[in-house]
Amino acid sequence: MPRQYVGIVPDAEWRALFRAHLDRADEFRVHMPDGDGQLGYGRAQFMALPGVEVRPWSGMRDALEIVGSLTPEARDLFVRMEPSIEFIRPGTQSSGTTSLCRTVR
């Protein structure tokens, strides 16, 4: 699926879009550095989700990919960790990059 920059999205619209995609997805992939720092925010929480797979990720040096089913616990974690895209509040930094995937059967 090609990616497209949609421009600045107010938080109210962002939350609606985010929720819609969360509701359609059945799997997630989170990419982040394998070390301390702001881009690793949430790593411990994602790794603690049941049934996730953690593996090296070649898209960034010293990075990892966390893959798992988008269970109710995972959905709740995403909602709590991605409260805003208008600004980043201390302690709520967005984790590296995230993909929400829907398996087509």
C-alpha atoms as a PDB file:
ATOM      1  CA  MET A   1       0.000   0.000   0.000  1.00  0.00           C
ATOM      2  CA  PRO A   2       1.548   3.340  -0.995  1.00  0.00           C
ATOM      3  CA  ARG A   3       2.036   5.910   1.720  1.00  0.00           C
ATOM      4  CA  GLN A   4       0.796   9.437   1.308  1.00  0.00           C
ATOM      5  CA  TYR A   5       1.415  12.513   3.416  1.00  0.00           C
ATOM      6  CA  VAL A   6      -1.952  13.967   4.379  1.00  0.00           C
ATOM      7  CA  GLY A   7      -0.656  17.126   5.983  1.00  0.00           C
ATOM      8  CA  ILE A   8      -1.397  18.454   9.434  1.00  0.00           C
ATOM      9  CA  VAL A   9      -4.289  16.597  11.051  1.00  0.00           C
ATOM     10  CA  PRO A  10      -5.949  18.018  14.178  1.00  0.00           C
ATOM     11  CA  ASP A  11      -6.005  15.655  17.148  1.00  0.00           C
ATOM     12  CA  ALA A  12      -9.771  15.062  16.977  1.00  0.00           C
ATOM     13  CA  GLU A  13      -9.484  13.866  13.360  1.00  0.00           C
ATOM     14  CA  TRP A  14      -6.295  11.939  14.168  1.00  0.00           C
ATOM     15  CA  ARG A  15      -7.997   9.991  16.965  1.00  0.00           C
ATOM     16  CA  ALA A  16     -10.943   9.096  14.689  1.00  0.00           C
ATOM     17  CA  LEU A  17      -8.608   7.936  11.890  1.00  0.00           C
ATOM     18  CA  PHE A  18      -6.411   6.051  14.323  1.00  0.00           C
ATOM     19  CA  ARG A  19      -9.393   4.291  15.931  1.00  0.00           C
ATOM     20  CA  ALA A  20     -10.814   3.351  12.523  1.00  0.00           C
ATOM     21  CA  HIS A  21      -7.541   1.735  11.500  1.00  0.00           C
ATOM     22  CA  LEU A  22      -7.177   0.018  14.860  1.00  0.00           C
ATOM     23  CA  ASP A  23     -10.655  -1.451  14.411  1.00  0.00           C
ATOM     24  CA  ARG A  24      -9.796  -2.808  10.941  1.00  0.00           C
ATOM     25  CA  ALA A  25      -6.343  -4.211  11.727  1.00  0.00           C
ATOM     26  CA  ASP A  26      -5.573  -7.632  13.148  1.00  0.00           C
ATOM     27  CA  GLU A  27      -1.780  -7.380  13.484  1.00  0.00           C
ATOM     28  CA  PHE A  28       0.780  -4.738  14.444  1.00  0.00           C
ATOM     29  CA  ARG A  29       4.468  -4.129  13.823  1.00  0.00           C
ATOM     30  CA  VAL A  30       6.474  -1.640  15.857  1.00  0.00           C
ATOM     31  CA  HIS A  31       9.990  -0.615  14.804  1.00  0.00           C
ATOM     32  CA  MET A  32      12.301   1.082  17.266  1.00  0.00           C
ATOM     33  CA  PRO A  33      15.938   1.321  18.306  1.00  0.00           C
ATOM     34  CA  ASP A  34      17.181  -1.495  20.501  1.00  0.00           C
ATOM     35  CA  GLY A  35      18.433   0.790  23.241  1.00  0.00           C
ATOM     36  CA  ASP A  36      17.576   3.614  25.555  1.00  0.00           C
ATOM     37  CA  GLY A  37      16.171   6.904  24.319  1.00  0.00           C
ATOM     38  CA  GLN A  38      12.918   8.569  23.347  1.00  0.00           C
ATOM     39  CA  LEU A  39      12.377   6.477  20.208  1.00  0.00           C
ATOM     40  CA  GLY A  40      12.383   3.359  22.378  1.00  0.00           C
ATOM     41  CA  TYR A  41       9.477   4.636  24.452  1.00  0.00           C
ATOM     42  CA  GLY A  42       7.011   1.811  25.064  1.00  0.00           C
ATOM     43  CA  ARG A  43       9.371  -1.021  24.150  1.00  0.00           C
ATOM     44  CA  ALA A  44       8.907  -2.809  27.485  1.00  0.00           C
ATOM     45  CA  GLN A  45       5.111  -2.516  27.267  1.00  0.00           C
ATOM     46  CA  PHE A  46       4.976  -3.911  23.715  1.00  0.00           C
ATOM     47  CA  MET A  47       7.401  -6.710  24.557  1.00  0.00           C
ATOM     48  CA  ALA A  48       5.245  -7.642  27.560  1.00  0.00           C
ATOM     49  CA  LEU A  49       2.170  -8.281  25.395  1.00  0.00           C
ATOM     50  CA  PRO A  50       1.352 -12.003  25.128  1.00  0.00           C
ATOM     51  CA  GLY A  51       2.441 -13.771  21.961  1.00  0.00           C
ATOM     52  CA  VAL A  52       4.609 -11.038  20.429  1.00  0.00           C
ATOM     53  CA  GLU A  53       7.657 -11.852  18.357  1.00  0.00           C
ATOM     54  CA  VAL A  54      10.759  -9.673  18.697  1.00  0.00           C
ATOM     55  CA  ARG A  55      13.412  -9.769  15.983  1.00  0.00           C
ATOM     56  CA  PRO A  56      16.134  -7.579  14.519  1.00  0.00           C
ATOM     57  CA  TRP A  57      14.906  -5.019  11.996  1.00  0.00           C
ATOM     58  CA  SER A  58      17.107  -4.047   9.045  1.00  0.00           C
ATOM     59  CA  GLY A  59      15.337  -0.724   8.398  1.00  0.00           C
ATOM     60  CA  MET A  60      17.495   1.066  10.962  1.00  0.00           C
ATOM     61  CA  ARG A  61      20.843   0.342  12.563  1.00  0.00           C
ATOM     62  CA  ASP A  62      20.581  -1.444  15.926  1.00  0.00           C
ATOM     63  CA  ALA A  63      16.789  -1.644  15.699  1.00  0.00           C
ATOM     64  CA  LEU A  64      14.157  -4.242  16.394  1.00  0.00           C
ATOM     65  CA  GLU A  65      10.697  -5.146  15.198  1.00  0.00           C
ATOM     66  CA  ILE A  66       7.940  -6.212  17.581  1.00  0.00           C
ATOM     67  CA  VAL A  67       5.129  -8.113  15.838  1.00  0.00           C
ATOM     68  CA  GLY A  68       1.918  -9.380  17.339  1.00  0.00           C
ATOM     69  CA  SER A  69      -1.803  -9.864  17.088  1.00  0.00           C
ATOM     70  CA  LEU A  70      -3.875  -6.773  17.670  1.00  0.00           C
ATOM     71  CA  THR A  71      -5.609  -8.107  20.764  1.00  0.00           C
ATOM     72  CA  PRO A  72      -7.777  -5.911  23.007  1.00  0.00           C
ATOM     73  CA  GLU A  73      -4.708  -5.437  25.258  1.00  0.00           C
ATOM     74  CA  ALA A  74      -2.587  -4.314  22.283  1.00  0.00           C
ATOM     75  CA  ARG A  75      -5.311  -1.931  21.064  1.00  0.00           C
ATOM     76  CA  ASP A  76      -5.541  -0.406  24.536  1.00  0.00           C
ATOM     77  CA  LEU A  77      -1.762   0.055  24.627  1.00  0.00           C
ATOM     78  CA  PHE A  78      -1.798   1.869  21.269  1.00  0.00           C
ATOM     79  CA  VAL A  79      -4.614   4.166  22.389  1.00  0.00           C
ATOM     80  CA  ARG A  80      -2.767   5.046  25.599  1.00  0.00           C
ATOM     81  CA  MET A  81       0.585   5.616  23.838  1.00  0.00           C
ATOM     82  CA  GLU A  82      -0.596   7.671  20.839  1.00  0.00           C
ATOM     83  CA  PRO A  83      -2.699  10.424  22.447  1.00  0.00           C
ATOM     84  CA  SER A  84      -1.678  13.273  20.137  1.00  0.00           C
ATOM     85  CA  ILE A  85       0.097  14.083  16.918  1.00  0.00           C
ATOM     86  CA  GLU A  86      -0.173  17.847  17.337  1.00  0.00           C
ATOM     87  CA  PHE A  87       2.533  17.800  19.984  1.00  0.00           C
ATOM     88  CA  ILE A  88       4.448  15.340  22.079  1.00  0.00           C
ATOM     89  CA  ARG A  89       4.021  15.636  25.816  1.00  0.00           C
ATOM     90  CA  PRO A  90       6.828  14.458  28.098  1.00  0.00           C
ATOM     91  CA  GLY A  91       6.219  10.824  28.992  1.00  0.00           C
ATOM     92  CA  THR A  92       3.919  10.201  26.007  1.00  0.00           C
ATOM     93  CA  GLN A  93       6.414  10.151  23.156  1.00  0.00           C
ATOM     94  CA  SER A  94       5.435   8.148  20.135  1.00  0.00           C
ATOM     95  CA  SER A  95       7.325   4.918  19.725  1.00  0.00           C
ATOM     96  CA  GLY A  96       9.512   4.488  16.614  1.00  0.00           C
ATOM     97  CA  THR A  97       7.366   3.574  13.613  1.00  0.00           C
ATOM     98  CA  THR A  98       4.210   1.523  13.700  1.00  0.00           C
ATOM     99  CA  SER A  99       2.318  -0.441  11.072  1.00  0.00           C
ATOM    100  CA  LEU A 100      -1.188  -1.692  11.537  1.00  0.00           C
ATOM    101  CA  CYS A 101      -1.934  -4.573   9.193  1.00  0.00           C
ATOM    102  CA  ARG A 102      -5.075  -6.338   8.109  1.00  0.00           C
ATOM    103  CA  THR A 103      -4.723  -9.911   6.938  1.00  0.00           C
ATOM    104  CA  VAL A 104      -6.715 -10.533   3.779  1.00  0.00           C
ATOM    105  CA  ARG A 105      -8.014 -14.068   3.644  1.00  0.00           C
END
